[in-house]
Amino acid sequence: GFTGTLADRFDTAPAGAGLVRAKTGTLTGVNTLAGTVATPDGRLLAFAFLAGRTPSPYRAQPALDRLSAALAGQDLP
């Protein structure tokens, strides 16, 4: 959530900001988020999420963001 696409996606939701470092990907009907996240106990996890047949990136991206924030032990609204 420092620069790039995630800066915009995590700017209004502090959960996961600074803990999730990832690359986004968007094609028609496909959205991805892959990267690393720091857990509350200091472990570093790698993850890759892919959502297919998505009706809109504006609906899929928040779900992917919530998954990555959950790995960080935080919840997004």
N, C-alpha and C. Protein backbone atom coordinates (compact mmCIF):
# COMPACT_ATOMS: atom_id res chain seq x y z
N GLY A 1 0.79 -1.19 0.00
CA GLY A 1 0.00 0.00 0.00
C GLY A 1 0.83 1.26 0.00
N PHE A 2 2.10 1.19 -0.42
CA PHE A 2 2.94 2.39 -0.45
C PHE A 2 2.85 3.11 -1.80
N THR A 3 3.01 2.38 -2.88
CA THR A 3 2.96 2.97 -4.21
C THR A 3 2.19 2.04 -5.14
N GLY A 4 1.92 2.52 -6.33
CA GLY A 4 1.27 1.69 -7.34
C GLY A 4 -0.20 1.46 -7.05
N THR A 5 -0.73 0.39 -7.62
CA THR A 5 -2.15 0.09 -7.52
C THR A 5 -2.60 -0.10 -6.08
N LEU A 6 -1.80 -0.77 -5.27
CA LEU A 6 -2.22 -1.03 -3.89
C LEU A 6 -2.29 0.23 -3.05
N ALA A 7 -1.55 1.25 -3.40
CA ALA A 7 -1.64 2.52 -2.67
C ALA A 7 -3.06 3.05 -2.74
N ASP A 8 -3.67 2.94 -3.90
CA ASP A 8 -5.05 3.39 -4.07
C ASP A 8 -6.04 2.46 -3.38
N ARG A 9 -5.76 1.17 -3.40
CA ARG A 9 -6.69 0.19 -2.85
C ARG A 9 -6.64 0.12 -1.34
N PHE A 10 -5.51 0.41 -0.72
CA PHE A 10 -5.39 0.33 0.73
C PHE A 10 -5.40 1.71 1.39
N ASP A 11 -5.57 2.78 0.63
CA ASP A 11 -5.48 4.12 1.23
C ASP A 11 -6.62 4.44 2.18
N THR A 12 -7.81 3.91 1.92
CA THR A 12 -8.95 4.21 2.79
C THR A 12 -9.20 3.10 3.81
N ALA A 13 -8.50 1.99 3.69
CA ALA A 13 -8.67 0.87 4.62
C ALA A 13 -7.32 0.52 5.22
N PRO A 14 -7.04 0.94 6.45
CA PRO A 14 -5.72 0.74 7.02
C PRO A 14 -5.34 -0.71 7.26
N ALA A 15 -6.30 -1.64 7.33
CA ALA A 15 -5.97 -3.04 7.53
C ALA A 15 -5.14 -3.55 6.36
N GLY A 16 -4.00 -4.09 6.66
CA GLY A 16 -3.13 -4.62 5.62
C GLY A 16 -2.15 -3.62 5.06
N ALA A 17 -2.41 -2.33 5.24
CA ALA A 17 -1.51 -1.30 4.70
C ALA A 17 -0.14 -1.44 5.36
N GLY A 18 0.88 -1.52 4.55
CA GLY A 18 2.25 -1.67 5.04
C GLY A 18 2.63 -3.10 5.38
N LEU A 19 1.66 -4.01 5.43
CA LEU A 19 1.93 -5.41 5.72
C LEU A 19 1.86 -6.27 4.46
N VAL A 20 1.03 -5.86 3.52
CA VAL A 20 0.85 -6.59 2.27
C VAL A 20 1.69 -5.91 1.19
N ARG A 21 2.56 -6.68 0.57
CA ARG A 21 3.34 -6.20 -0.57
C ARG A 21 3.06 -7.15 -1.71
N ALA A 22 2.43 -6.62 -2.76
CA ALA A 22 1.94 -7.52 -3.79
C ALA A 22 1.90 -6.84 -5.15
N LYS A 23 1.72 -7.68 -6.16
CA LYS A 23 1.54 -7.24 -7.54
C LYS A 23 0.13 -7.58 -7.94
N THR A 24 -0.53 -6.64 -8.58
CA THR A 24 -1.89 -6.87 -9.05
C THR A 24 -1.86 -7.24 -10.52
N GLY A 25 -2.93 -7.86 -10.96
CA GLY A 25 -3.08 -8.18 -12.37
C GLY A 25 -4.55 -8.17 -12.73
N THR A 26 -4.87 -7.57 -13.87
CA THR A 26 -6.26 -7.50 -14.29
C THR A 26 -6.35 -7.71 -15.80
N LEU A 27 -7.15 -8.66 -16.20
CA LEU A 27 -7.55 -8.88 -17.58
C LEU A 27 -9.07 -8.93 -17.57
N THR A 28 -9.68 -8.90 -18.71
CA THR A 28 -11.13 -8.97 -18.76
C THR A 28 -11.60 -10.26 -18.10
N GLY A 29 -12.33 -10.14 -17.01
CA GLY A 29 -12.88 -11.29 -16.32
C GLY A 29 -11.93 -12.02 -15.39
N VAL A 30 -10.69 -11.52 -15.23
CA VAL A 30 -9.71 -12.18 -14.38
C VAL A 30 -8.99 -11.13 -13.54
N ASN A 31 -8.89 -11.39 -12.23
CA ASN A 31 -8.18 -10.49 -11.33
C ASN A 31 -7.25 -11.32 -10.45
N THR A 32 -6.04 -10.82 -10.23
CA THR A 32 -5.07 -11.54 -9.41
C THR A 32 -4.42 -10.61 -8.41
N LEU A 33 -3.90 -11.22 -7.36
CA LEU A 33 -3.10 -10.52 -6.37
C LEU A 33 -2.11 -11.55 -5.84
N ALA A 34 -0.82 -11.26 -5.96
CA ALA A 34 0.22 -12.19 -5.51
C ALA A 34 1.32 -11.39 -4.83
N GLY A 35 1.83 -11.93 -3.72
CA GLY A 35 2.91 -11.23 -3.04
C GLY A 35 3.25 -11.86 -1.71
N THR A 36 3.64 -11.00 -0.77
CA THR A 36 3.99 -11.44 0.57
C THR A 36 3.24 -10.61 1.60
N VAL A 37 3.11 -11.19 2.78
CA VAL A 37 2.43 -10.50 3.88
C VAL A 37 3.12 -10.89 5.18
N ALA A 38 3.24 -9.92 6.08
CA ALA A 38 3.81 -10.18 7.41
C ALA A 38 2.67 -10.48 8.38
N THR A 39 2.80 -11.57 9.13
CA THR A 39 1.79 -11.96 10.10
C THR A 39 2.05 -11.25 11.43
N PRO A 40 1.07 -11.24 12.33
CA PRO A 40 1.27 -10.58 13.62
C PRO A 40 2.46 -11.14 14.42
N ASP A 41 2.78 -12.42 14.23
CA ASP A 41 3.91 -13.01 14.96
C ASP A 41 5.22 -12.91 14.19
N GLY A 42 5.23 -12.13 13.10
CA GLY A 42 6.46 -11.85 12.37
C GLY A 42 6.82 -12.81 11.26
N ARG A 43 5.97 -13.80 10.99
CA ARG A 43 6.25 -14.72 9.88
C ARG A 43 5.98 -14.01 8.55
N LEU A 44 6.71 -14.40 7.53
CA LEU A 44 6.51 -13.87 6.19
C LEU A 44 5.84 -14.95 5.36
N LEU A 45 4.66 -14.67 4.85
CA LEU A 45 3.91 -15.61 4.02
C LEU A 45 3.90 -15.14 2.58
N ALA A 46 3.97 -16.08 1.65
CA ALA A 46 3.79 -15.78 0.23
C ALA A 46 2.39 -16.27 -0.16
N PHE A 47 1.74 -15.53 -1.04
CA PHE A 47 0.39 -15.91 -1.46
C PHE A 47 0.18 -15.55 -2.92
N ALA A 48 -0.80 -16.22 -3.52
CA ALA A 48 -1.25 -15.89 -4.88
C ALA A 48 -2.74 -16.20 -4.95
N PHE A 49 -3.54 -15.19 -5.27
CA PHE A 49 -4.97 -15.35 -5.40
C PHE A 49 -5.36 -15.01 -6.84
N LEU A 50 -6.25 -15.80 -7.42
CA LEU A 50 -6.75 -15.55 -8.75
C LEU A 50 -8.26 -15.72 -8.73
N ALA A 51 -8.97 -14.74 -9.24
CA ALA A 51 -10.42 -14.82 -9.37
C ALA A 51 -10.77 -14.80 -10.85
N GLY A 52 -11.51 -15.80 -11.30
CA GLY A 52 -11.88 -15.90 -12.71
C GLY A 52 -13.36 -15.65 -12.92
N ARG A 53 -13.68 -15.27 -14.14
CA ARG A 53 -15.07 -14.97 -14.53
C ARG A 53 -15.67 -13.89 -13.63
N THR A 54 -14.88 -12.90 -13.32
CA THR A 54 -15.36 -11.81 -12.47
C THR A 54 -16.18 -10.83 -13.30
N PRO A 55 -17.32 -10.40 -12.79
CA PRO A 55 -18.16 -9.47 -13.55
C PRO A 55 -17.56 -8.07 -13.64
N SER A 56 -16.72 -7.72 -12.66
CA SER A 56 -16.14 -6.38 -12.63
C SER A 56 -14.93 -6.38 -11.71
N PRO A 57 -13.83 -5.71 -12.12
CA PRO A 57 -12.68 -5.64 -11.21
C PRO A 57 -13.01 -4.89 -9.93
N TYR A 58 -13.99 -4.01 -9.98
CA TYR A 58 -14.36 -3.24 -8.81
C TYR A 58 -15.06 -4.10 -7.76
N ARG A 59 -15.55 -5.27 -8.16
CA ARG A 59 -16.13 -6.21 -7.22
C ARG A 59 -15.11 -7.25 -6.78
N ALA A 60 -14.21 -7.64 -7.67
CA ALA A 60 -13.23 -8.69 -7.36
C ALA A 60 -12.07 -8.16 -6.51
N GLN A 61 -11.59 -6.98 -6.80
CA GLN A 61 -10.42 -6.45 -6.11
C GLN A 61 -10.63 -6.32 -4.60
N PRO A 62 -11.76 -5.80 -4.12
CA PRO A 62 -11.95 -5.74 -2.66
C PRO A 62 -11.92 -7.12 -2.00
N ALA A 63 -12.42 -8.13 -2.69
CA ALA A 63 -12.40 -9.49 -2.13
C ALA A 63 -10.96 -9.98 -2.01
N LEU A 64 -10.14 -9.74 -3.03
CA LEU A 64 -8.74 -10.14 -2.98
C LEU A 64 -8.00 -9.37 -1.88
N ASP A 65 -8.33 -8.11 -1.73
CA ASP A 65 -7.71 -7.29 -0.68
C ASP A 65 -8.08 -7.83 0.71
N ARG A 66 -9.34 -8.24 0.88
CA ARG A 66 -9.76 -8.80 2.17
C ARG A 66 -9.01 -10.09 2.47
N LEU A 67 -8.78 -10.92 1.46
CA LEU A 67 -8.04 -12.17 1.67
C LEU A 67 -6.61 -11.88 2.13
N SER A 68 -5.95 -10.93 1.49
CA SER A 68 -4.57 -10.63 1.87
C SER A 68 -4.51 -10.00 3.26
N ALA A 69 -5.47 -9.15 3.60
CA ALA A 69 -5.51 -8.56 4.94
C ALA A 69 -5.79 -9.63 5.99
N ALA A 70 -6.59 -10.62 5.65
CA ALA A 70 -6.87 -11.71 6.60
C ALA A 70 -5.59 -12.48 6.90
N LEU A 71 -4.74 -12.69 5.89
CA LEU A 71 -3.46 -13.36 6.13
C LEU A 71 -2.60 -12.56 7.10
N ALA A 72 -2.74 -11.25 7.05
CA ALA A 72 -1.98 -10.37 7.95
C ALA A 72 -2.59 -10.32 9.34
N GLY A 73 -3.71 -11.05 9.53
CA GLY A 73 -4.38 -11.06 10.82
C GLY A 73 -5.23 -9.84 11.06
N GLN A 74 -5.65 -9.19 9.96
CA GLN A 74 -6.47 -7.99 10.06
C GLN A 74 -7.70 -8.16 9.18
N ASP A 75 -8.71 -7.38 9.46
CA ASP A 75 -9.94 -7.44 8.67
C ASP A 75 -10.17 -6.13 7.96
N LEU A 76 -10.57 -6.22 6.69
CA LEU A 76 -11.01 -5.05 5.94
C LEU A 76 -12.52 -5.00 6.01
N PRO A 77 -13.09 -3.82 6.01
CA PRO A 77 -14.57 -3.73 6.04
C PRO A 77 -15.17 -4.27 4.76
